[in-house]
Amino acid sequence: GVVGRSRSYEDLVAATTEMQLGGRLAVRVLNLETLIAVKEEVADQKDLAMLPIVRRTLEAAQHI
């Protein structure tokens, strides 16, 4: 599978952080900058609707 403009797991893994869920399960999540870029690339209605929220979250995180 690919994300956005044909970004593979290998393309994106450097832009992720590993998070532990429930002690046993580890998942990788995109950093906010990359998530914004991917949502802009996909540009479907749902992704575009979420962009202002993700941008505000990134801005707030940078002021911490």
C-alpha atoms as a PDB file:
ATOM      1  CA  GLY A   1       0.000   0.000   0.000  1.00  0.00           C
ATOM      2  CA  VAL A   2       0.916   3.630  -0.375  1.00  0.00           C
ATOM      3  CA  VAL A   3      -0.089   6.913   1.247  1.00  0.00           C
ATOM      4  CA  GLY A   4      -0.549  10.273  -0.476  1.00  0.00           C
ATOM      5  CA  ARG A   5       1.523  10.546  -3.621  1.00  0.00           C
ATOM      6  CA  SER A   6       2.789   6.977  -3.611  1.00  0.00           C
ATOM      7  CA  ARG A   7       4.677   7.209  -0.313  1.00  0.00           C
ATOM      8  CA  SER A   8       5.555   3.741   0.890  1.00  0.00           C
ATOM      9  CA  TYR A   9       6.165   2.591   4.454  1.00  0.00           C
ATOM     10  CA  GLU A  10       9.889   2.844   3.791  1.00  0.00           C
ATOM     11  CA  ASP A  11       9.440   6.456   2.611  1.00  0.00           C
ATOM     12  CA  LEU A  12       7.511   7.412   5.737  1.00  0.00           C
ATOM     13  CA  VAL A  13       9.074   5.416   8.571  1.00  0.00           C
ATOM     14  CA  ALA A  14      11.692   8.097   9.309  1.00  0.00           C
ATOM     15  CA  ALA A  15       8.830  10.564   9.913  1.00  0.00           C
ATOM     16  CA  THR A  16       7.169   8.383  12.563  1.00  0.00           C
ATOM     17  CA  THR A  17       7.310   7.896  16.297  1.00  0.00           C
ATOM     18  CA  GLU A  18       6.689   4.584  18.009  1.00  0.00           C
ATOM     19  CA  MET A  19       3.991   4.632  20.682  1.00  0.00           C
ATOM     20  CA  GLN A  20       3.114   1.904  23.169  1.00  0.00           C
ATOM     21  CA  LEU A  21      -0.569   1.056  23.518  1.00  0.00           C
ATOM     22  CA  GLY A  22      -1.663  -1.044  26.429  1.00  0.00           C
ATOM     23  CA  GLY A  23       1.861  -2.148  27.270  1.00  0.00           C
ATOM     24  CA  ARG A  24       2.137  -4.859  24.613  1.00  0.00           C
ATOM     25  CA  LEU A  25       1.186  -3.192  21.376  1.00  0.00           C
ATOM     26  CA  ALA A  26       3.567  -0.770  19.669  1.00  0.00           C
ATOM     27  CA  VAL A  27       2.354   1.359  16.759  1.00  0.00           C
ATOM     28  CA  ARG A  28       4.082   3.929  14.561  1.00  0.00           C
ATOM     29  CA  VAL A  29       2.380   7.284  14.002  1.00  0.00           C
ATOM     30  CA  LEU A  30       3.304  10.027  11.553  1.00  0.00           C
ATOM     31  CA  ASN A  31       4.675  13.280  12.912  1.00  0.00           C
ATOM     32  CA  LEU A  32       2.297  16.198  12.469  1.00  0.00           C
ATOM     33  CA  GLU A  33       4.320  17.871   9.696  1.00  0.00           C
ATOM     34  CA  THR A  34       4.203  14.726   7.573  1.00  0.00           C
ATOM     35  CA  LEU A  35       0.547  14.084   8.396  1.00  0.00           C
ATOM     36  CA  ILE A  36      -0.284  17.587   7.132  1.00  0.00           C
ATOM     37  CA  ALA A  37       1.693  17.012   3.924  1.00  0.00           C
ATOM     38  CA  VAL A  38      -0.051  13.688   3.280  1.00  0.00           C
ATOM     39  CA  LYS A  39      -3.514  15.160   3.911  1.00  0.00           C
ATOM     40  CA  GLU A  40      -2.713  18.007   1.494  1.00  0.00           C
ATOM     41  CA  GLU A  41      -1.613  15.481  -1.148  1.00  0.00           C
ATOM     42  CA  VAL A  42      -4.723  13.338  -0.782  1.00  0.00           C
ATOM     43  CA  ALA A  43      -6.935  16.441  -0.718  1.00  0.00           C
ATOM     44  CA  ASP A  44     -10.210  14.620  -0.267  1.00  0.00           C
ATOM     45  CA  GLN A  45     -13.011  16.405   1.569  1.00  0.00           C
ATOM     46  CA  LYS A  46     -12.454  14.595   4.885  1.00  0.00           C
ATOM     47  CA  ASP A  47      -8.701  15.227   4.882  1.00  0.00           C
ATOM     48  CA  LEU A  48      -9.078  18.894   3.959  1.00  0.00           C
ATOM     49  CA  ALA A  49     -11.649  19.330   6.740  1.00  0.00           C
ATOM     50  CA  MET A  50      -9.150  17.983   9.299  1.00  0.00           C
ATOM     51  CA  LEU A  51      -6.226  20.167   8.180  1.00  0.00           C
ATOM     52  CA  PRO A  52      -7.078  23.232  10.317  1.00  0.00           C
ATOM     53  CA  ILE A  53      -7.262  21.055  13.438  1.00  0.00           C
ATOM     54  CA  VAL A  54      -3.975  19.294  12.723  1.00  0.00           C
ATOM     55  CA  ARG A  55      -2.269  22.621  11.922  1.00  0.00           C
ATOM     56  CA  ARG A  56      -3.487  24.132  15.225  1.00  0.00           C
ATOM     57  CA  THR A  57      -2.305  21.048  17.092  1.00  0.00           C
ATOM     58  CA  LEU A  58       1.154  21.384  15.505  1.00  0.00           C
ATOM     59  CA  GLU A  59       1.275  25.093  16.343  1.00  0.00           C
ATOM     60  CA  ALA A  60       0.294  24.426  19.962  1.00  0.00           C
ATOM     61  CA  ALA A  61       2.876  21.654  20.266  1.00  0.00           C
ATOM     62  CA  GLN A  62       5.628  23.961  19.040  1.00  0.00           C
ATOM     63  CA  HIS A  63       4.870  26.418  21.865  1.00  0.00           C
ATOM     64  CA  ILE A  64       5.289  23.837  24.620  1.00  0.00           C
END
